[in-house]
Every structure is written in C-alpha cells, then in structure tokens.
C-alpha cells in the first residue's frame, strides 16, 4: 500500500501484527499537521503561534469548514490540503484545551 502526502511516497507496512496496525497513522498525521503548519507560516500565521490566542471551538469550526470544503471540492483528485488543515485545526483545538487546563 502506498500513501502520497505532498511529493513524497510512503510505503505502508501492511504486515504489522494486529495490535500495531494503527502505528503508520501516527507518522502520516504528524507529517500532515507539519505541512499544514508550514502552509500557515507562509500566510495566515506569519507572526508565529497566534493560533493559540483563539479558543478551541473556533478551531473546531475551521476544521469543519475544511472538511466541508473537501467534500464540496472533491473530484477524485489526490489533493489532501483540506484534510491536512482540518486535522491541524483539531490538533490546535486540543492544544488550546490543554493549555487552558494548565493555567
């Protein structure tokens, strides 16, 4: 099985023992979030981690917007930008909740 994220190809090991079959998702998720953060650093978030100034529900709303855009724009192509950005927004919301519990 091959996954394409950006320009790199990843060969997923499909012979993991059943209890470890999910491990390949972690690497794919981390890379997707990194790519979305890199995209944001080029545009919307040039000033750094200003996304931490927003509350978790706002990030969740943006994640839903990205998921809806993915479904609306889906035409069978391999563009995963909206999925990467939705995943990143969910991670941002979890981070905001984590930070609010520490304060």
C-alpha atoms as a PDB file:
ATOM      1  CA  UNK A   1       0.000   0.000   0.000  1.00  0.00           C
ATOM      2  CA  UNK A   2       1.372   3.426  -0.895  1.00  0.00           C
ATOM      3  CA  UNK A   3       0.329   6.779   0.507  1.00  0.00           C
ATOM      4  CA  UNK A   4       1.185  10.078  -1.149  1.00  0.00           C
ATOM      5  CA  UNK A   5       1.430  13.113   1.083  1.00  0.00           C
ATOM      6  CA  UNK A   6       2.935  16.135  -0.583  1.00  0.00           C
ATOM      7  CA  UNK A   7       5.558  14.968  -3.025  1.00  0.00           C
ATOM      8  CA  UNK A   8       6.890  12.032  -1.018  1.00  0.00           C
ATOM      9  CA  UNK A   9       5.636   8.487  -1.289  1.00  0.00           C
ATOM     10  CA  UNK A  10       5.350   6.326   1.787  1.00  0.00           C
ATOM     11  CA  UNK A  11       5.182   2.601   1.642  1.00  0.00           C
ATOM     12  CA  UNK A  12       2.967   1.453   4.462  1.00  0.00           C
ATOM     13  CA  UNK A  13       3.869  -1.810   6.049  1.00  0.00           C
ATOM     14  CA  UNK A  14       0.772  -3.964   5.889  1.00  0.00           C
ATOM     15  CA  UNK A  15       2.274  -6.865   7.816  1.00  0.00           C
ATOM     16  CA  UNK A  16       2.110  -5.223  11.256  1.00  0.00           C
ATOM     17  CA  UNK A  17       0.843  -7.556  13.937  1.00  0.00           C
ATOM     18  CA  UNK A  18      -2.810  -6.655  14.545  1.00  0.00           C
ATOM     19  CA  UNK A  19      -2.107  -4.809  17.805  1.00  0.00           C
ATOM     20  CA  UNK A  20       0.326  -2.457  15.974  1.00  0.00           C
ATOM     21  CA  UNK A  21      -1.597  -1.981  12.717  1.00  0.00           C
ATOM     22  CA  UNK A  22      -2.502   1.610  13.625  1.00  0.00           C
ATOM     23  CA  UNK A  23       1.090   2.840  14.059  1.00  0.00           C
ATOM     24  CA  UNK A  24       1.528   4.004  10.474  1.00  0.00           C
ATOM     25  CA  UNK A  25      -1.237   6.567  11.056  1.00  0.00           C
ATOM     26  CA  UNK A  26       0.868   8.465  13.590  1.00  0.00           C
ATOM     27  CA  UNK A  27       3.597   9.280  11.090  1.00  0.00           C
ATOM     28  CA  UNK A  28       1.090  10.266   8.422  1.00  0.00           C
ATOM     29  CA  UNK A  29      -0.792  12.500  10.904  1.00  0.00           C
ATOM     30  CA  UNK A  30       2.356  14.209  12.193  1.00  0.00           C
ATOM     31  CA  UNK A  31       3.557  14.886   8.658  1.00  0.00           C
ATOM     32  CA  UNK A  32       0.128  16.227   7.632  1.00  0.00           C
ATOM     33  CA  UNK A  33      -0.015  18.579  10.616  1.00  0.00           C
ATOM     34  CA  UNK A  34       3.529  19.744   9.915  1.00  0.00           C
ATOM     35  CA  UNK A  35       2.648  20.503   6.299  1.00  0.00           C
ATOM     36  CA  UNK A  36      -0.453  22.472   7.342  1.00  0.00           C
ATOM     37  CA  UNK A  37       1.566  24.445   9.917  1.00  0.00           C
ATOM     38  CA  UNK A  38       4.168  25.191   7.240  1.00  0.00           C
ATOM     39  CA  UNK A  39       1.395  26.412   4.905  1.00  0.00           C
ATOM     40  CA  UNK A  40       0.066  28.628   7.706  1.00  0.00           C
ATOM     41  CA  UNK A  41       3.511  30.043   8.476  1.00  0.00           C
ATOM     42  CA  UNK A  42       3.731  31.224   4.865  1.00  0.00           C
ATOM     43  CA  UNK A  43       0.406  33.018   5.019  1.00  0.00           C
ATOM     44  CA  UNK A  44      -2.111  33.428   7.799  1.00  0.00           C
ATOM     45  CA  UNK A  45       0.239  32.829  10.732  1.00  0.00           C
ATOM     46  CA  UNK A  46       3.437  34.637   9.690  1.00  0.00           C
ATOM     47  CA  UNK A  47       3.669  36.139  13.187  1.00  0.00           C
ATOM     48  CA  UNK A  48       4.066  32.758  14.862  1.00  0.00           C
ATOM     49  CA  UNK A  49       1.761  30.890  17.193  1.00  0.00           C
ATOM     50  CA  UNK A  50      -1.108  33.429  17.141  1.00  0.00           C
ATOM     51  CA  UNK A  51      -3.479  30.488  16.684  1.00  0.00           C
ATOM     52  CA  UNK A  52      -3.004  29.888  20.414  1.00  0.00           C
ATOM     53  CA  UNK A  53      -4.832  33.149  21.061  1.00  0.00           C
ATOM     54  CA  UNK A  54      -8.031  31.602  19.680  1.00  0.00           C
ATOM     55  CA  UNK A  55     -10.363  29.354  21.634  1.00  0.00           C
ATOM     56  CA  UNK A  56     -10.819  25.656  20.858  1.00  0.00           C
ATOM     57  CA  UNK A  57     -14.375  25.996  19.458  1.00  0.00           C
ATOM     58  CA  UNK A  58     -13.123  28.439  16.808  1.00  0.00           C
ATOM     59  CA  UNK A  59     -10.521  25.898  15.649  1.00  0.00           C
ATOM     60  CA  UNK A  60     -13.185  23.178  15.540  1.00  0.00           C
ATOM     61  CA  UNK A  61     -15.389  25.447  13.386  1.00  0.00           C
ATOM     62  CA  UNK A  62     -12.469  25.981  10.987  1.00  0.00           C
ATOM     63  CA  UNK A  63     -11.851  22.218  10.904  1.00  0.00           C
ATOM     64  CA  UNK A  64     -15.488  21.662   9.946  1.00  0.00           C
ATOM     65  CA  UNK A  65     -15.149  24.333   7.240  1.00  0.00           C
ATOM     66  CA  UNK A  66     -12.137  22.469   5.805  1.00  0.00           C
ATOM     67  CA  UNK A  67     -13.980  19.145   5.878  1.00  0.00           C
ATOM     68  CA  UNK A  68     -16.974  20.685   4.135  1.00  0.00           C
ATOM     69  CA  UNK A  69     -14.675  22.262   1.525  1.00  0.00           C
ATOM     70  CA  UNK A  70     -13.013  18.898   0.952  1.00  0.00           C
ATOM     71  CA  UNK A  71     -16.374  17.221   0.376  1.00  0.00           C
ATOM     72  CA  UNK A  72     -17.616  20.054  -1.817  1.00  0.00           C
ATOM     73  CA  UNK A  73     -14.438  20.285  -3.915  1.00  0.00           C
ATOM     74  CA  UNK A  74     -13.742  16.549  -4.091  1.00  0.00           C
ATOM     75  CA  UNK A  75     -13.415  15.461  -7.676  1.00  0.00           C
ATOM     76  CA  UNK A  76     -11.398  12.286  -7.312  1.00  0.00           C
ATOM     77  CA  UNK A  77      -8.091  14.113  -7.276  1.00  0.00           C
ATOM     78  CA  UNK A  78      -5.395  13.479  -4.720  1.00  0.00           C
ATOM     79  CA  UNK A  79      -5.441  16.956  -3.150  1.00  0.00           C
ATOM     80  CA  UNK A  80      -5.393  16.452   0.612  1.00  0.00           C
ATOM     81  CA  UNK A  81      -4.895  20.104   1.609  1.00  0.00           C
ATOM     82  CA  UNK A  82      -8.303  20.500   3.269  1.00  0.00           C
ATOM     83  CA  UNK A  83      -7.897  17.210   5.158  1.00  0.00           C
ATOM     84  CA  UNK A  84      -4.435  18.249   6.396  1.00  0.00           C
ATOM     85  CA  UNK A  85      -5.756  21.623   7.517  1.00  0.00           C
ATOM     86  CA  UNK A  86      -8.789  20.080   9.247  1.00  0.00           C
ATOM     87  CA  UNK A  87      -6.515  17.673  11.133  1.00  0.00           C
ATOM     88  CA  UNK A  88      -4.252  20.555  12.092  1.00  0.00           C
ATOM     89  CA  UNK A  89      -7.189  22.624  13.376  1.00  0.00           C
ATOM     90  CA  UNK A  90      -8.337  19.697  15.515  1.00  0.00           C
ATOM     91  CA  UNK A  91      -4.801  19.402  16.925  1.00  0.00           C
ATOM     92  CA  UNK A  92      -4.814  23.166  17.601  1.00  0.00           C
ATOM     93  CA  UNK A  93      -8.117  22.884  19.476  1.00  0.00           C
ATOM     94  CA  UNK A  94      -6.751  20.056  21.616  1.00  0.00           C
ATOM     95  CA  UNK A  95      -3.622  22.125  22.304  1.00  0.00           C
ATOM     96  CA  UNK A  96      -5.752  25.118  23.330  1.00  0.00           C
ATOM     97  CA  UNK A  97      -7.761  22.942  25.722  1.00  0.00           C
ATOM     98  CA  UNK A  98      -4.536  21.503  27.140  1.00  0.00           C
ATOM     99  CA  UNK A  99      -3.075  24.985  27.659  1.00  0.00           C
ATOM    100  CA  UNK A 100      -6.269  26.279  29.318  1.00  0.00           C
ATOM    101  CA  UNK A 101      -6.150  23.433  31.847  1.00  0.00           C
ATOM    102  CA  UNK A 102      -2.552  24.280  32.771  1.00  0.00           C
ATOM    103  CA  UNK A 103      -3.315  27.945  33.578  1.00  0.00           C
END
